[in-house]
Amino acid sequence: MLYQISEKIITSFNLPDNIFLTALISTLLILIAVLAVGWLIRLISELITSLLASVIGPGPAFIIRNYVTYIGTIHHEFAHAIVATVTGGKVTKINLFPKGQTLGSVEFYARGPHLLRGLQLSLTAIAPILCGGITLRLMQNLVYPNCTEIWHHILYWYAVISIFFHMTLSGKDMENFWKGSIPTLLIVYVINLICLALG
């Protein structure tokens, strides 16, 4: 589907039709999609928080958004830690204790060649979106079909909402994402090129 959209863009703008351009457009589409999903999730969660604030006040809305859904914070921070580790980074600290506006944090450093360090920074930054999407999909396929009691449904939707609310990217996440974006986009471009060449 990604390559079909790229081909439509090439056709629409009368661009030269070759795998190099198709791979480039596909790579940019992936970048746009990831950032758009993160922005959309933030928009939805802030809208819901604003609606809650208009009904129960900003203080209680803040508590519900950040503390009642705290399992989402745990998922968010462990997503950072898992992706950093899997991609070769070294996690030095995981903090799950809220302090002021910060609900949690993960400290890590990238290791290896420049391309790999860039990939670690970018993928670790967007890990809450990637892992959140995977977790919600697995829950939909594996957990939801087994919800037979009302309390099952309550727990299921509590977990879904909590994880969804915390699939956003902090300022530090965005900073890390952009720091590693060039090597990451280069790797994604090469992968797209290989996939297109192999058909």
N, C-alpha and C. Protein backbone atom coordinates (compact mmCIF):
# COMPACT_ATOMS: atom_id res chain seq x y z
N MET A 1 0.83 -1.20 0.00
CA MET A 1 0.00 0.00 0.00
C MET A 1 0.87 1.27 0.00
N LEU A 2 1.96 1.23 0.77
CA LEU A 2 2.87 2.37 0.84
C LEU A 2 3.43 2.70 -0.54
N TYR A 3 3.84 1.64 -1.25
CA TYR A 3 4.43 1.85 -2.57
C TYR A 3 3.38 2.29 -3.59
N GLN A 4 2.15 1.83 -3.40
CA GLN A 4 1.06 2.26 -4.30
C GLN A 4 0.80 3.76 -4.14
N ILE A 5 0.82 4.24 -2.90
CA ILE A 5 0.63 5.68 -2.67
C ILE A 5 1.78 6.46 -3.29
N SER A 6 3.00 5.95 -3.13
CA SER A 6 4.16 6.60 -3.73
C SER A 6 4.03 6.67 -5.25
N GLU A 7 3.57 5.57 -5.85
CA GLU A 7 3.39 5.54 -7.31
C GLU A 7 2.32 6.55 -7.75
N LYS A 8 1.27 6.70 -6.96
CA LYS A 8 0.21 7.67 -7.29
C LYS A 8 0.76 9.10 -7.24
N ILE A 9 1.61 9.36 -6.24
CA ILE A 9 2.23 10.69 -6.12
C ILE A 9 3.11 10.95 -7.35
N ILE A 10 3.89 9.96 -7.73
CA ILE A 10 4.78 10.10 -8.89
C ILE A 10 3.97 10.37 -10.16
N THR A 11 2.88 9.62 -10.32
CA THR A 11 2.02 9.79 -11.50
C THR A 11 1.35 11.16 -11.48
N SER A 12 0.83 11.56 -10.33
CA SER A 12 0.11 12.83 -10.21
C SER A 12 0.98 14.03 -10.54
N PHE A 13 2.25 13.98 -10.17
CA PHE A 13 3.15 15.12 -10.39
C PHE A 13 4.06 14.92 -11.62
N ASN A 14 3.78 13.88 -12.41
CA ASN A 14 4.56 13.59 -13.61
C ASN A 14 6.06 13.50 -13.32
N LEU A 15 6.40 12.82 -12.23
CA LEU A 15 7.80 12.65 -11.86
C LEU A 15 8.36 11.41 -12.55
N PRO A 16 9.68 11.33 -12.68
CA PRO A 16 10.26 10.13 -13.30
C PRO A 16 9.96 8.88 -12.47
N ASP A 17 9.48 7.85 -13.13
CA ASP A 17 9.08 6.63 -12.42
C ASP A 17 10.27 5.67 -12.33
N ASN A 18 10.91 5.67 -11.15
CA ASN A 18 12.01 4.72 -10.91
C ASN A 18 12.01 4.33 -9.44
N ILE A 19 12.71 3.25 -9.13
CA ILE A 19 12.67 2.74 -7.75
C ILE A 19 13.35 3.69 -6.77
N PHE A 20 14.30 4.48 -7.23
CA PHE A 20 15.00 5.40 -6.33
C PHE A 20 14.06 6.48 -5.81
N LEU A 21 13.25 7.03 -6.72
CA LEU A 21 12.29 8.06 -6.33
C LEU A 21 11.14 7.45 -5.52
N THR A 22 10.68 6.27 -5.92
CA THR A 22 9.62 5.59 -5.17
C THR A 22 10.07 5.30 -3.74
N ALA A 23 11.32 4.85 -3.58
CA ALA A 23 11.87 4.57 -2.24
C ALA A 23 11.97 5.85 -1.42
N LEU A 24 12.38 6.94 -2.06
CA LEU A 24 12.49 8.23 -1.36
C LEU A 24 11.13 8.72 -0.87
N ILE A 25 10.14 8.68 -1.77
CA ILE A 25 8.79 9.14 -1.39
C ILE A 25 8.22 8.24 -0.30
N SER A 26 8.44 6.93 -0.41
CA SER A 26 7.95 5.99 0.61
C SER A 26 8.58 6.27 1.96
N THR A 27 9.86 6.59 1.98
CA THR A 27 10.58 6.91 3.22
C THR A 27 10.00 8.17 3.85
N LEU A 28 9.76 9.19 3.04
CA LEU A 28 9.18 10.44 3.56
C LEU A 28 7.75 10.22 4.06
N LEU A 29 7.00 9.34 3.39
CA LEU A 29 5.64 9.03 3.83
C LEU A 29 5.64 8.34 5.20
N ILE A 30 6.63 7.46 5.42
CA ILE A 30 6.74 6.80 6.73
C ILE A 30 7.02 7.84 7.81
N LEU A 31 7.94 8.76 7.53
CA LEU A 31 8.26 9.83 8.48
C LEU A 31 7.03 10.65 8.80
N ILE A 32 6.31 11.06 7.78
CA ILE A 32 5.10 11.88 7.96
C ILE A 32 4.05 11.11 8.75
N ALA A 33 3.88 9.82 8.44
CA ALA A 33 2.87 9.01 9.13
C ALA A 33 3.16 8.89 10.62
N VAL A 34 4.42 8.62 10.97
CA VAL A 34 4.79 8.48 12.39
C VAL A 34 4.55 9.78 13.14
N LEU A 35 5.01 10.89 12.58
CA LEU A 35 4.82 12.19 13.24
C LEU A 35 3.35 12.57 13.31
N ALA A 36 2.58 12.25 12.26
CA ALA A 36 1.15 12.57 12.24
C ALA A 36 0.39 11.78 13.30
N VAL A 37 0.75 10.50 13.45
CA VAL A 37 0.10 9.67 14.48
C VAL A 37 0.38 10.23 15.87
N GLY A 38 1.64 10.57 16.13
CA GLY A 38 2.00 11.15 17.43
C GLY A 38 1.26 12.46 17.69
N TRP A 39 1.18 13.31 16.67
CA TRP A 39 0.48 14.59 16.81
C TRP A 39 -1.01 14.37 17.04
N LEU A 40 -1.61 13.43 16.29
CA LEU A 40 -3.04 13.16 16.41
C LEU A 40 -3.39 12.61 17.80
N ILE A 41 -2.57 11.71 18.30
CA ILE A 41 -2.81 11.15 19.63
C ILE A 41 -2.73 12.25 20.69
N ARG A 42 -1.72 13.13 20.57
CA ARG A 42 -1.59 14.24 21.51
C ARG A 42 -2.82 15.15 21.43
N LEU A 43 -3.28 15.43 20.22
CA LEU A 43 -4.46 16.29 20.03
C LEU A 43 -5.69 15.69 20.68
N ILE A 44 -5.91 14.40 20.44
CA ILE A 44 -7.09 13.72 21.01
C ILE A 44 -7.01 13.69 22.53
N SER A 45 -5.84 13.35 23.08
CA SER A 45 -5.72 13.27 24.54
C SER A 45 -5.88 14.65 25.19
N GLU A 46 -5.36 15.69 24.53
CA GLU A 46 -5.51 17.05 25.07
C GLU A 46 -6.96 17.52 24.96
N LEU A 47 -7.65 17.13 23.89
CA LEU A 47 -9.06 17.48 23.73
C LEU A 47 -9.91 16.82 24.82
N ILE A 48 -9.66 15.53 25.06
CA ILE A 48 -10.41 14.82 26.11
C ILE A 48 -10.11 15.43 27.47
N THR A 49 -8.84 15.77 27.73
CA THR A 49 -8.47 16.41 28.99
C THR A 49 -9.16 17.76 29.14
N SER A 50 -9.24 18.53 28.06
CA SER A 50 -9.93 19.85 28.10
C SER A 50 -11.41 19.68 28.38
N LEU A 51 -12.02 18.67 27.77
CA LEU A 51 -13.44 18.41 28.02
C LEU A 51 -13.67 18.02 29.48
N LEU A 52 -12.78 17.16 29.99
CA LEU A 52 -12.87 16.79 31.41
C LEU A 52 -12.70 18.01 32.31
N ALA A 53 -11.75 18.86 31.96
CA ALA A 53 -11.47 20.07 32.76
C ALA A 53 -12.67 20.99 32.78
N SER A 54 -13.40 21.09 31.67
CA SER A 54 -14.58 21.96 31.63
C SER A 54 -15.72 21.43 32.49
N VAL A 55 -15.70 20.11 32.75
CA VAL A 55 -16.76 19.50 33.56
C VAL A 55 -16.37 19.42 35.04
N ILE A 56 -15.14 18.94 35.32
CA ILE A 56 -14.76 18.69 36.71
C ILE A 56 -13.65 19.62 37.21
N GLY A 57 -13.13 20.48 36.33
CA GLY A 57 -12.07 21.41 36.72
C GLY A 57 -10.71 20.92 36.27
N PRO A 58 -9.75 21.85 36.10
CA PRO A 58 -8.43 21.48 35.57
C PRO A 58 -7.62 20.57 36.49
N GLY A 59 -7.72 20.77 37.80
CA GLY A 59 -6.95 19.94 38.75
C GLY A 59 -7.33 18.47 38.67
N PRO A 60 -8.63 18.15 38.85
CA PRO A 60 -9.04 16.75 38.73
C PRO A 60 -8.79 16.17 37.34
N ALA A 61 -8.96 16.98 36.29
CA ALA A 61 -8.71 16.50 34.93
C ALA A 61 -7.24 16.13 34.76
N PHE A 62 -6.33 16.94 35.32
CA PHE A 62 -4.90 16.66 35.26
C PHE A 62 -4.59 15.35 35.98
N ILE A 63 -5.21 15.15 37.15
CA ILE A 63 -4.99 13.92 37.93
C ILE A 63 -5.47 12.70 37.15
N ILE A 64 -6.66 12.80 36.55
CA ILE A 64 -7.19 11.68 35.77
C ILE A 64 -6.28 11.40 34.57
N ARG A 65 -5.93 12.46 33.86
CA ARG A 65 -5.13 12.33 32.63
C ARG A 65 -3.75 11.72 32.91
N ASN A 66 -3.15 12.10 34.03
CA ASN A 66 -1.78 11.68 34.28
C ASN A 66 -1.60 10.58 35.32
N TYR A 67 -2.44 10.57 36.35
CA TYR A 67 -2.22 9.63 37.44
C TYR A 67 -3.19 8.46 37.44
N VAL A 68 -4.45 8.69 37.10
CA VAL A 68 -5.40 7.57 37.03
C VAL A 68 -4.99 6.63 35.89
N THR A 69 -4.43 7.20 34.83
CA THR A 69 -3.99 6.40 33.68
C THR A 69 -2.49 6.08 33.77
N TYR A 70 -1.97 5.99 34.97
CA TYR A 70 -0.53 5.86 35.17
C TYR A 70 0.08 4.59 34.56
N ILE A 71 -0.72 3.54 34.38
CA ILE A 71 -0.15 2.34 33.76
C ILE A 71 0.32 2.66 32.33
N GLY A 72 -0.29 3.68 31.72
CA GLY A 72 0.16 4.14 30.41
C GLY A 72 1.56 4.74 30.48
N THR A 73 1.87 5.43 31.59
CA THR A 73 3.22 5.98 31.78
C THR A 73 4.23 4.84 31.89
N ILE A 74 3.88 3.82 32.64
CA ILE A 74 4.77 2.66 32.79
C ILE A 74 5.03 2.03 31.42
N HIS A 75 3.97 1.85 30.65
CA HIS A 75 4.11 1.30 29.30
C HIS A 75 5.00 2.20 28.44
N HIS A 76 4.78 3.51 28.53
CA HIS A 76 5.55 4.51 27.77
C HIS A 76 7.05 4.40 28.07
N GLU A 77 7.40 4.38 29.35
CA GLU A 77 8.81 4.36 29.74
C GLU A 77 9.47 3.02 29.41
N PHE A 78 8.74 1.92 29.61
CA PHE A 78 9.32 0.63 29.28
C PHE A 78 9.46 0.45 27.77
N ALA A 79 8.58 1.10 27.00
CA ALA A 79 8.72 1.08 25.53
C ALA A 79 10.06 1.71 25.15
N HIS A 80 10.36 2.89 25.74
CA HIS A 80 11.66 3.53 25.49
C HIS A 80 12.81 2.57 25.84
N ALA A 81 12.73 1.98 27.04
CA ALA A 81 13.82 1.13 27.53
C ALA A 81 14.00 -0.12 26.67
N ILE A 82 12.91 -0.75 26.29
CA ILE A 82 13.00 -1.99 25.50
C ILE A 82 13.58 -1.70 24.12
N VAL A 83 13.08 -0.66 23.45
CA VAL A 83 13.58 -0.35 22.10
C VAL A 83 15.04 0.09 22.15
N ALA A 84 15.40 0.88 23.16
CA ALA A 84 16.81 1.29 23.30
C ALA A 84 17.70 0.06 23.43
N THR A 85 17.29 -0.89 24.25
CA THR A 85 18.08 -2.11 24.48
C THR A 85 18.15 -2.99 23.24
N VAL A 86 16.99 -3.21 22.60
CA VAL A 86 16.92 -4.08 21.42
C VAL A 86 17.77 -3.53 20.27
N THR A 87 17.82 -2.20 20.14
CA THR A 87 18.59 -1.61 19.04
C THR A 87 20.07 -1.42 19.38
N GLY A 88 20.48 -1.81 20.59
CA GLY A 88 21.89 -1.78 20.95
C GLY A 88 22.30 -0.66 21.89
N GLY A 89 21.35 0.16 22.33
CA GLY A 89 21.66 1.22 23.28
C GLY A 89 21.84 0.66 24.69
N LYS A 90 22.35 1.49 25.58
CA LYS A 90 22.57 1.09 26.96
C LYS A 90 21.67 1.92 27.87
N VAL A 91 20.69 1.28 28.50
CA VAL A 91 19.80 1.97 29.44
C VAL A 91 20.51 2.08 30.78
N THR A 92 20.61 3.29 31.31
CA THR A 92 21.31 3.51 32.57
C THR A 92 20.37 3.78 33.73
N LYS A 93 19.15 4.24 33.42
CA LYS A 93 18.22 4.55 34.51
C LYS A 93 16.79 4.57 33.99
N ILE A 94 15.89 3.97 34.76
CA ILE A 94 14.45 4.05 34.49
C ILE A 94 13.80 4.63 35.73
N ASN A 95 13.13 5.75 35.57
CA ASN A 95 12.45 6.40 36.70
C ASN A 95 10.95 6.35 36.46
N LEU A 96 10.23 5.70 37.37
CA LEU A 96 8.77 5.59 37.26
C LEU A 96 8.06 6.39 38.33
N PHE A 97 8.79 7.27 39.01
CA PHE A 97 8.19 8.07 40.07
C PHE A 97 7.93 9.49 39.57
N PRO A 98 6.67 9.92 39.57
CA PRO A 98 6.35 11.27 39.09
C PRO A 98 7.03 12.35 39.91
N LYS A 99 7.48 13.39 39.21
CA LYS A 99 8.08 14.54 39.88
C LYS A 99 7.69 15.79 39.10
N GLY A 100 6.80 16.60 39.67
CA GLY A 100 6.32 17.79 38.99
C GLY A 100 5.53 17.41 37.75
N GLN A 101 5.90 17.97 36.61
CA GLN A 101 5.22 17.66 35.34
C GLN A 101 5.77 16.39 34.70
N THR A 102 6.88 15.89 35.21
CA THR A 102 7.49 14.68 34.64
C THR A 102 6.93 13.44 35.34
N LEU A 103 6.31 12.56 34.56
CA LEU A 103 5.71 11.36 35.14
C LEU A 103 6.69 10.20 35.24
N GLY A 104 7.70 10.22 34.41
CA GLY A 104 8.70 9.17 34.39
C GLY A 104 9.76 9.52 33.37
N SER A 105 10.83 8.75 33.37
CA SER A 105 11.88 9.01 32.39
C SER A 105 12.77 7.79 32.23
N VAL A 106 13.46 7.76 31.09
CA VAL A 106 14.44 6.71 30.82
C VAL A 106 15.71 7.40 30.35
N GLU A 107 16.82 7.05 30.97
CA GLU A 107 18.11 7.58 30.53
C GLU A 107 18.86 6.46 29.83
N PHE A 108 19.40 6.77 28.67
CA PHE A 108 20.18 5.77 27.92
C PHE A 108 21.20 6.49 27.06
N TYR A 109 22.16 5.75 26.58
CA TYR A 109 23.07 6.33 25.61
C TYR A 109 23.21 5.37 24.43
N ALA A 110 23.34 5.98 23.25
CA ALA A 110 23.46 5.20 22.02
C ALA A 110 24.88 4.68 21.89
N ARG A 111 25.01 3.49 21.29
CA ARG A 111 26.33 2.87 21.11
C ARG A 111 26.49 2.38 19.68
N GLY A 112 27.73 2.21 19.29
CA GLY A 112 28.01 1.63 17.98
C GLY A 112 28.32 2.67 16.93
N PRO A 113 28.33 2.25 15.65
CA PRO A 113 28.62 3.17 14.55
C PRO A 113 27.57 4.28 14.46
N HIS A 114 27.92 5.34 13.75
CA HIS A 114 27.06 6.52 13.64
C HIS A 114 25.64 6.18 13.18
N LEU A 115 25.52 5.34 12.14
CA LEU A 115 24.19 4.97 11.62
C LEU A 115 23.37 4.26 12.68
N LEU A 116 24.00 3.35 13.41
CA LEU A 116 23.29 2.59 14.44
C LEU A 116 22.88 3.51 15.59
N ARG A 117 23.75 4.45 15.98
CA ARG A 117 23.40 5.39 17.05
C ARG A 117 22.20 6.25 16.65
N GLY A 118 22.19 6.69 15.40
CA GLY A 118 21.06 7.48 14.91
C GLY A 118 19.77 6.69 14.96
N LEU A 119 19.84 5.42 14.54
CA LEU A 119 18.67 4.54 14.56
C LEU A 119 18.19 4.34 16.00
N GLN A 120 19.12 4.15 16.94
CA GLN A 120 18.76 3.98 18.35
C GLN A 120 18.03 5.21 18.88
N LEU A 121 18.56 6.39 18.57
CA LEU A 121 17.94 7.63 19.05
C LEU A 121 16.53 7.79 18.51
N SER A 122 16.36 7.64 17.19
CA SER A 122 15.05 7.85 16.57
C SER A 122 14.02 6.80 16.99
N LEU A 123 14.41 5.53 16.92
CA LEU A 123 13.45 4.48 17.26
C LEU A 123 13.09 4.50 18.75
N THR A 124 14.08 4.78 19.60
CA THR A 124 13.79 4.87 21.03
C THR A 124 12.86 6.05 21.32
N ALA A 125 13.03 7.14 20.58
CA ALA A 125 12.18 8.32 20.78
C ALA A 125 10.73 8.03 20.45
N ILE A 126 10.49 7.30 19.34
CA ILE A 126 9.10 7.04 18.93
C ILE A 126 8.58 5.70 19.46
N ALA A 127 9.33 5.08 20.35
CA ALA A 127 8.94 3.78 20.90
C ALA A 127 7.54 3.76 21.51
N PRO A 128 7.10 4.82 22.24
CA PRO A 128 5.74 4.77 22.79
C PRO A 128 4.66 4.63 21.72
N ILE A 129 4.89 5.22 20.55
CA ILE A 129 3.92 5.09 19.46
C ILE A 129 3.99 3.68 18.87
N LEU A 130 5.21 3.22 18.58
CA LEU A 130 5.37 1.90 17.98
C LEU A 130 4.88 0.79 18.91
N CYS A 131 5.38 0.80 20.13
CA CYS A 131 5.01 -0.25 21.10
C CYS A 131 3.54 -0.12 21.52
N GLY A 132 3.07 1.12 21.64
CA GLY A 132 1.67 1.33 21.99
C GLY A 132 0.75 0.74 20.93
N GLY A 133 1.08 0.99 19.66
CA GLY A 133 0.27 0.44 18.57
C GLY A 133 0.28 -1.08 18.58
N ILE A 134 1.46 -1.66 18.79
CA ILE A 134 1.57 -3.13 18.85
C ILE A 134 0.78 -3.69 20.02
N THR A 135 0.93 -3.05 21.19
CA THR A 135 0.23 -3.53 22.39
C THR A 135 -1.29 -3.46 22.21
N LEU A 136 -1.79 -2.33 21.68
CA LEU A 136 -3.23 -2.19 21.50
C LEU A 136 -3.76 -3.20 20.49
N ARG A 137 -2.98 -3.47 19.45
CA ARG A 137 -3.41 -4.47 18.46
C ARG A 137 -3.44 -5.86 19.07
N LEU A 138 -2.41 -6.21 19.85
CA LEU A 138 -2.40 -7.51 20.52
C LEU A 138 -3.54 -7.65 21.51
N MET A 139 -3.82 -6.57 22.22
CA MET A 139 -4.94 -6.60 23.17
C MET A 139 -6.27 -6.81 22.44
N GLN A 140 -6.41 -6.14 21.30
CA GLN A 140 -7.64 -6.28 20.51
C GLN A 140 -7.82 -7.71 20.03
N ASN A 141 -6.73 -8.33 19.61
CA ASN A 141 -6.81 -9.69 19.06
C ASN A 141 -6.82 -10.79 20.11
N LEU A 142 -6.09 -10.58 21.22
CA LEU A 142 -5.92 -11.65 22.19
C LEU A 142 -6.73 -11.48 23.48
N VAL A 143 -6.91 -10.23 23.90
CA VAL A 143 -7.59 -9.99 25.18
C VAL A 143 -9.08 -9.74 24.99
N TYR A 144 -9.42 -8.83 24.09
CA TYR A 144 -10.83 -8.45 23.92
C TYR A 144 -11.76 -9.63 23.65
N PRO A 145 -11.38 -10.59 22.79
CA PRO A 145 -12.28 -11.72 22.55
C PRO A 145 -12.58 -12.54 23.80
N ASN A 146 -11.72 -12.45 24.82
CA ASN A 146 -11.93 -13.20 26.06
C ASN A 146 -12.63 -12.39 27.14
N CYS A 147 -13.04 -11.17 26.82
CA CYS A 147 -13.78 -10.35 27.79
C CYS A 147 -15.23 -10.81 27.81
N THR A 148 -15.59 -11.52 28.87
CA THR A 148 -16.95 -12.07 28.96
C THR A 148 -17.77 -11.42 30.06
N GLU A 149 -17.11 -10.83 31.03
CA GLU A 149 -17.81 -10.19 32.15
C GLU A 149 -17.68 -8.67 32.03
N ILE A 150 -18.56 -7.96 32.69
CA ILE A 150 -18.54 -6.49 32.62
C ILE A 150 -17.22 -5.93 33.17
N TRP A 151 -16.71 -6.56 34.24
CA TRP A 151 -15.46 -6.06 34.82
C TRP A 151 -14.28 -6.33 33.89
N HIS A 152 -14.38 -7.37 33.04
CA HIS A 152 -13.34 -7.59 32.03
C HIS A 152 -13.30 -6.41 31.07
N HIS A 153 -14.49 -5.99 30.63
CA HIS A 153 -14.58 -4.86 29.69
C HIS A 153 -14.08 -3.56 30.32
N ILE A 154 -14.40 -3.36 31.59
CA ILE A 154 -13.94 -2.15 32.29
C ILE A 154 -12.42 -2.13 32.36
N LEU A 155 -11.82 -3.25 32.77
CA LEU A 155 -10.36 -3.32 32.84
C LEU A 155 -9.71 -3.17 31.46
N TYR A 156 -10.33 -3.81 30.46
CA TYR A 156 -9.80 -3.74 29.10
C TYR A 156 -9.76 -2.29 28.62
N TRP A 157 -10.89 -1.58 28.73
CA TRP A 157 -10.96 -0.20 28.23
C TRP A 157 -10.13 0.74 29.08
N TYR A 158 -9.99 0.45 30.36
CA TYR A 158 -9.10 1.26 31.21
C TYR A 158 -7.66 1.14 30.70
N ALA A 159 -7.23 -0.08 30.40
CA ALA A 159 -5.87 -0.29 29.90
C ALA A 159 -5.68 0.36 28.53
N VAL A 160 -6.66 0.21 27.65
CA VAL A 160 -6.57 0.80 26.31
C VAL A 160 -6.45 2.32 26.39
N ILE A 161 -7.31 2.95 27.17
CA ILE A 161 -7.29 4.41 27.30
C ILE A 161 -5.98 4.88 27.94
N SER A 162 -5.53 4.16 28.96
CA SER A 162 -4.29 4.53 29.65
C SER A 162 -3.09 4.48 28.71
N ILE A 163 -3.00 3.40 27.94
CA ILE A 163 -1.87 3.27 27.01
C ILE A 163 -1.98 4.33 25.91
N PHE A 164 -3.18 4.52 25.38
CA PHE A 164 -3.39 5.50 24.31
C PHE A 164 -3.00 6.90 24.75
N PHE A 165 -3.44 7.31 25.95
CA PHE A 165 -3.14 8.65 26.46
C PHE A 165 -1.64 8.91 26.55
N HIS A 166 -0.85 7.86 26.74
CA HIS A 166 0.58 8.03 26.95
C HIS A 166 1.42 7.60 25.74
N MET A 167 0.79 7.52 24.58
CA MET A 167 1.51 7.23 23.34
C MET A 167 2.02 8.53 22.69
N THR A 168 2.09 9.59 23.46
CA THR A 168 2.56 10.88 22.95
C THR A 168 4.07 10.99 23.13
N LEU A 169 4.66 11.97 22.45
CA LEU A 169 6.11 12.17 22.53
C LEU A 169 6.40 13.47 23.26
N SER A 170 7.31 13.39 24.21
CA SER A 170 7.71 14.58 24.96
C SER A 170 8.65 15.43 24.10
N GLY A 171 8.98 16.61 24.60
CA GLY A 171 9.94 17.47 23.91
C GLY A 171 11.29 16.78 23.76
N LYS A 172 11.72 16.06 24.78
CA LYS A 172 13.00 15.33 24.74
C LYS A 172 12.93 14.20 23.70
N ASP A 173 11.76 13.53 23.63
CA ASP A 173 11.58 12.47 22.63
C ASP A 173 11.75 13.04 21.23
N MET A 174 11.11 14.18 20.97
CA MET A 174 11.21 14.80 19.65
C MET A 174 12.64 15.24 19.35
N GLU A 175 13.32 15.75 20.36
CA GLU A 175 14.72 16.16 20.19
C GLU A 175 15.58 14.97 19.78
N ASN A 176 15.40 13.83 20.48
CA ASN A 176 16.16 12.62 20.15
C ASN A 176 15.79 12.10 18.76
N PHE A 177 14.50 12.19 18.44
CA PHE A 177 14.06 11.72 17.13
C PHE A 177 14.77 12.48 16.02
N TRP A 178 14.80 13.81 16.13
CA TRP A 178 15.44 14.61 15.07
C TRP A 178 16.95 14.43 15.05
N LYS A 179 17.55 14.19 16.23
CA LYS A 179 18.99 13.94 16.28
C LYS A 179 19.37 12.71 15.46
N GLY A 180 18.55 11.70 15.51
CA GLY A 180 18.85 10.46 14.80
C GLY A 180 18.12 10.30 13.49
N SER A 181 17.42 11.34 13.05
CA SER A 181 16.54 11.20 11.88
C SER A 181 17.28 10.93 10.57
N ILE A 182 18.42 11.60 10.35
CA ILE A 182 19.12 11.43 9.06
C ILE A 182 19.61 9.98 8.89
N PRO A 183 20.36 9.42 9.86
CA PRO A 183 20.77 8.01 9.70
C PRO A 183 19.58 7.06 9.59
N THR A 184 18.53 7.33 10.38
CA THR A 184 17.35 6.46 10.36
C THR A 184 16.66 6.50 9.01
N LEU A 185 16.48 7.71 8.48
CA LEU A 185 15.83 7.84 7.18
C LEU A 185 16.67 7.19 6.08
N LEU A 186 17.98 7.28 6.21
CA LEU A 186 18.87 6.64 5.25
C LEU A 186 18.70 5.12 5.28
N ILE A 187 18.63 4.55 6.48
CA ILE A 187 18.44 3.11 6.62
C ILE A 187 17.08 2.69 6.06
N VAL A 188 16.03 3.46 6.40
CA VAL A 188 14.68 3.15 5.89
C VAL A 188 14.66 3.25 4.36
N TYR A 189 15.37 4.25 3.82
CA TYR A 189 15.44 4.42 2.37
C TYR A 189 16.08 3.19 1.71
N VAL A 190 17.18 2.72 2.28
CA VAL A 190 17.86 1.55 1.72
C VAL A 190 16.96 0.31 1.81
N ILE A 191 16.26 0.16 2.93
CA ILE A 191 15.33 -0.98 3.07
C ILE A 191 14.23 -0.89 2.01
N ASN A 192 13.66 0.31 1.82
CA ASN A 192 12.63 0.50 0.78
C ASN A 192 13.20 0.17 -0.59
N LEU A 193 14.41 0.60 -0.85
CA LEU A 193 15.05 0.36 -2.14
C LEU A 193 15.22 -1.15 -2.39
N ILE A 194 15.68 -1.84 -1.36
CA ILE A 194 15.86 -3.30 -1.47
C ILE A 194 14.51 -4.00 -1.72
N CYS A 195 13.48 -3.60 -0.96
CA CYS A 195 12.15 -4.20 -1.12
C CYS A 195 11.62 -3.96 -2.54
N LEU A 196 11.80 -2.76 -3.05
CA LEU A 196 11.34 -2.46 -4.41
C LEU A 196 12.13 -3.23 -5.45
N ALA A 197 13.45 -3.35 -5.25
CA ALA A 197 14.29 -4.07 -6.20
C ALA A 197 13.95 -5.55 -6.25
N LEU A 198 13.56 -6.10 -5.08
CA LEU A 198 13.22 -7.52 -5.01
C LEU A 198 11.77 -7.79 -5.44
N GLY A 199 11.03 -6.69 -5.61
CA GLY A 199 9.63 -6.82 -6.07
C GLY A 199 8.69 -7.11 -4.93
